Protein backbone atom coordinates (compact mmCIF):
# COMPACT_ATOMS: atom_id res chain seq x y z
CA MET A 1 -67.37 -221.49 -11.46
CA LEU A 2 -66.00 -219.15 -8.98
CA LYS A 3 -66.13 -215.46 -9.48
CA LYS A 4 -63.20 -213.34 -8.68
CA ARG A 5 -63.68 -210.75 -6.04
CA THR A 6 -63.16 -207.20 -6.92
CA LYS A 7 -61.26 -204.83 -4.69
CA LYS A 8 -64.42 -203.24 -3.41
CA GLN A 9 -65.93 -206.54 -2.38
CA SER A 10 -62.83 -207.82 -0.67
CA LYS A 11 -62.38 -204.74 1.51
CA ARG A 12 -65.26 -204.98 3.88
CA LYS A 13 -65.34 -202.56 6.76
CA LYS A 14 -65.24 -204.03 10.22
CA PRO A 15 -67.59 -202.47 12.73
CA SER A 16 -65.68 -199.92 14.77
CA LYS A 17 -65.87 -199.68 18.54
CA ARG A 18 -65.84 -195.91 18.49
CA LYS A 19 -68.94 -193.83 18.93
CA PRO A 20 -70.06 -192.03 15.81
CA LYS A 21 -69.08 -188.39 15.61
CA ARG A 22 -71.77 -185.83 16.13
CA LYS A 23 -72.56 -183.49 13.34
CA LYS A 24 -71.61 -179.92 13.99
CA THR A 25 -74.56 -177.60 14.07
CA ALA A 26 -74.46 -173.93 13.33
CA LEU A 27 -74.49 -171.70 16.37
CA VAL A 28 -77.71 -169.79 16.75
CA SER A 29 -77.51 -166.45 18.47
CA LYS A 30 -79.75 -166.20 21.51
CA LYS A 31 -82.09 -163.27 21.61
CA LYS A 32 -82.17 -161.27 24.80
CA LYS A 33 -85.50 -161.26 26.52
CA LYS A 34 -86.99 -158.02 27.66
CA VAL A 35 -87.15 -157.78 31.42
CA THR A 36 -90.53 -156.66 32.64
CA LYS A 37 -91.57 -155.96 36.17
CA LYS A 38 -93.68 -158.66 37.69
CA LYS A 39 -97.03 -157.58 38.99
CA SER A 40 -97.52 -158.22 42.65
CA PRO A 41 -100.12 -160.92 43.28
CA LYS A 42 -103.48 -159.78 44.55
CA LYS A 43 -103.89 -160.15 48.25
CA ILE A 44 -106.34 -162.89 49.06
CA LYS A 45 -108.43 -162.28 52.12
CA LYS A 46 -108.28 -165.23 54.43
CA ARG A 47 -111.56 -166.10 56.06
CA LYS A 48 -111.52 -166.60 59.75
CA GLU A 49 -112.37 -170.19 60.47
CA LYS A 50 -113.82 -171.20 63.78
CA LEU A 51 -113.78 -174.86 64.79
CA VAL A 52 -117.37 -176.07 65.09
CA GLY A 53 -116.75 -179.73 65.83
CA ARG A 54 -115.54 -183.12 64.63
CA ILE A 55 -117.17 -185.86 62.62
CA THR A 56 -117.68 -188.84 64.92
CA HIS A 57 -119.43 -191.09 62.38
CA TYR A 58 -120.23 -191.04 58.65
CA TYR A 59 -122.98 -192.89 56.79
CA GLY A 60 -121.75 -193.34 53.22
CA LYS A 61 -124.95 -194.36 51.42
CA ILE A 62 -126.98 -191.37 52.59
CA LYS A 63 -123.96 -189.00 52.89
CA VAL A 64 -124.78 -187.95 56.45
CA ALA A 65 -122.20 -187.19 59.12
CA VAL A 66 -122.66 -187.21 62.88
CA VAL A 67 -120.92 -184.11 64.22
CA LYS A 68 -120.14 -183.44 67.88
CA LEU A 69 -120.51 -179.64 68.22
CA ARG A 70 -118.33 -177.26 70.24
CA VAL A 71 -120.09 -174.09 69.00
CA PRO A 72 -123.76 -173.37 68.15
CA LEU A 73 -124.70 -174.00 64.51
CA SER A 74 -127.75 -173.08 62.43
CA VAL A 75 -129.19 -173.80 58.99
CA GLY A 76 -127.72 -171.46 56.32
CA ASP A 77 -124.27 -171.18 57.92
CA LYS A 78 -121.28 -171.75 55.64
CA ILE A 79 -118.99 -174.53 56.82
CA LYS A 80 -115.67 -175.98 55.69
CA ILE A 81 -114.75 -179.61 56.23
CA LYS A 82 -111.05 -180.47 56.45
CA GLY A 83 -109.34 -183.79 56.88
CA GLY A 84 -106.55 -185.77 55.28
CA GLU A 85 -106.05 -184.35 51.79
CA LYS A 86 -109.71 -183.38 51.35
CA GLU A 87 -111.14 -179.97 51.97
CA PHE A 88 -114.51 -178.63 50.81
CA GLU A 89 -117.04 -175.94 51.62
CA GLN A 90 -120.82 -176.02 51.72
CA THR A 91 -123.80 -174.37 53.34
CA VAL A 92 -125.75 -176.16 56.05
CA ARG A 93 -129.05 -177.23 54.49
CA SER A 94 -130.45 -179.57 57.11
CA ILE A 95 -129.70 -180.45 60.71
CA GLU A 96 -131.31 -183.34 62.54
CA VAL A 97 -131.32 -184.39 66.18
CA ASN A 98 -133.10 -187.68 67.01
CA HIS A 99 -134.65 -187.78 63.50
CA LYS A 100 -136.25 -184.33 63.92
CA LYS A 101 -135.26 -181.38 61.72
CA ILE A 102 -134.00 -178.41 63.69
CA LYS A 103 -132.96 -174.93 62.53
CA ARG A 104 -130.52 -174.08 65.33
CA VAL A 105 -128.47 -176.28 67.66
CA ALA A 106 -126.61 -175.38 70.85
CA LYS A 107 -123.05 -176.46 71.58
CA GLY A 108 -122.24 -179.86 73.08
CA LYS A 109 -124.84 -181.82 71.09
CA ALA A 110 -124.33 -184.49 68.44
CA ILE A 111 -126.18 -183.71 65.22
CA GLY A 112 -126.84 -185.34 61.87
CA LEU A 113 -125.54 -183.17 59.03
CA LYS A 114 -126.17 -183.81 55.31
CA LEU A 115 -122.91 -183.43 53.34
CA ALA A 116 -122.25 -182.74 49.66
CA LYS A 117 -119.13 -184.93 49.46
CA LYS A 118 -117.70 -187.94 51.23
CA ALA A 119 -116.04 -187.50 54.61
CA ARG A 120 -114.49 -189.71 57.27
CA GLU A 121 -114.45 -189.95 61.01
CA GLY A 122 -112.10 -187.43 62.58
CA TYR A 123 -112.51 -184.74 59.90
CA ARG A 124 -112.87 -181.27 61.38
CA VAL A 125 -115.79 -178.94 60.69
CA TYR A 126 -115.14 -175.17 60.62
CA LYS A 127 -117.56 -172.24 60.45
CA LEU A 128 -116.71 -169.52 57.92
């Protein structure tokens, strides 16, 4: 028993190769934005940085750097350490020379300096 096909069943649509038409959307009027004067940015005072020395060695477990000094340095001074993509500031809390704590060091000496963050050899130390 075969059923006869109706007209609707016999006329199947073939998939078209055309892209479907986009629906038209209603145009929305754009509101004009009010133009306001931009406030000038506040001037940031740049601190004068003086190169103190370079890190010649770094001990990672105890976070201590050996710094070869070019300028005198004392406990309580603010320093900035720059190198690679890292840059951080801290105050000098302890300075050691030959395992003895010292408050002030003259230029030209190599000191042990406790750091707050990791550093590498070749990073520069600046005094703020």
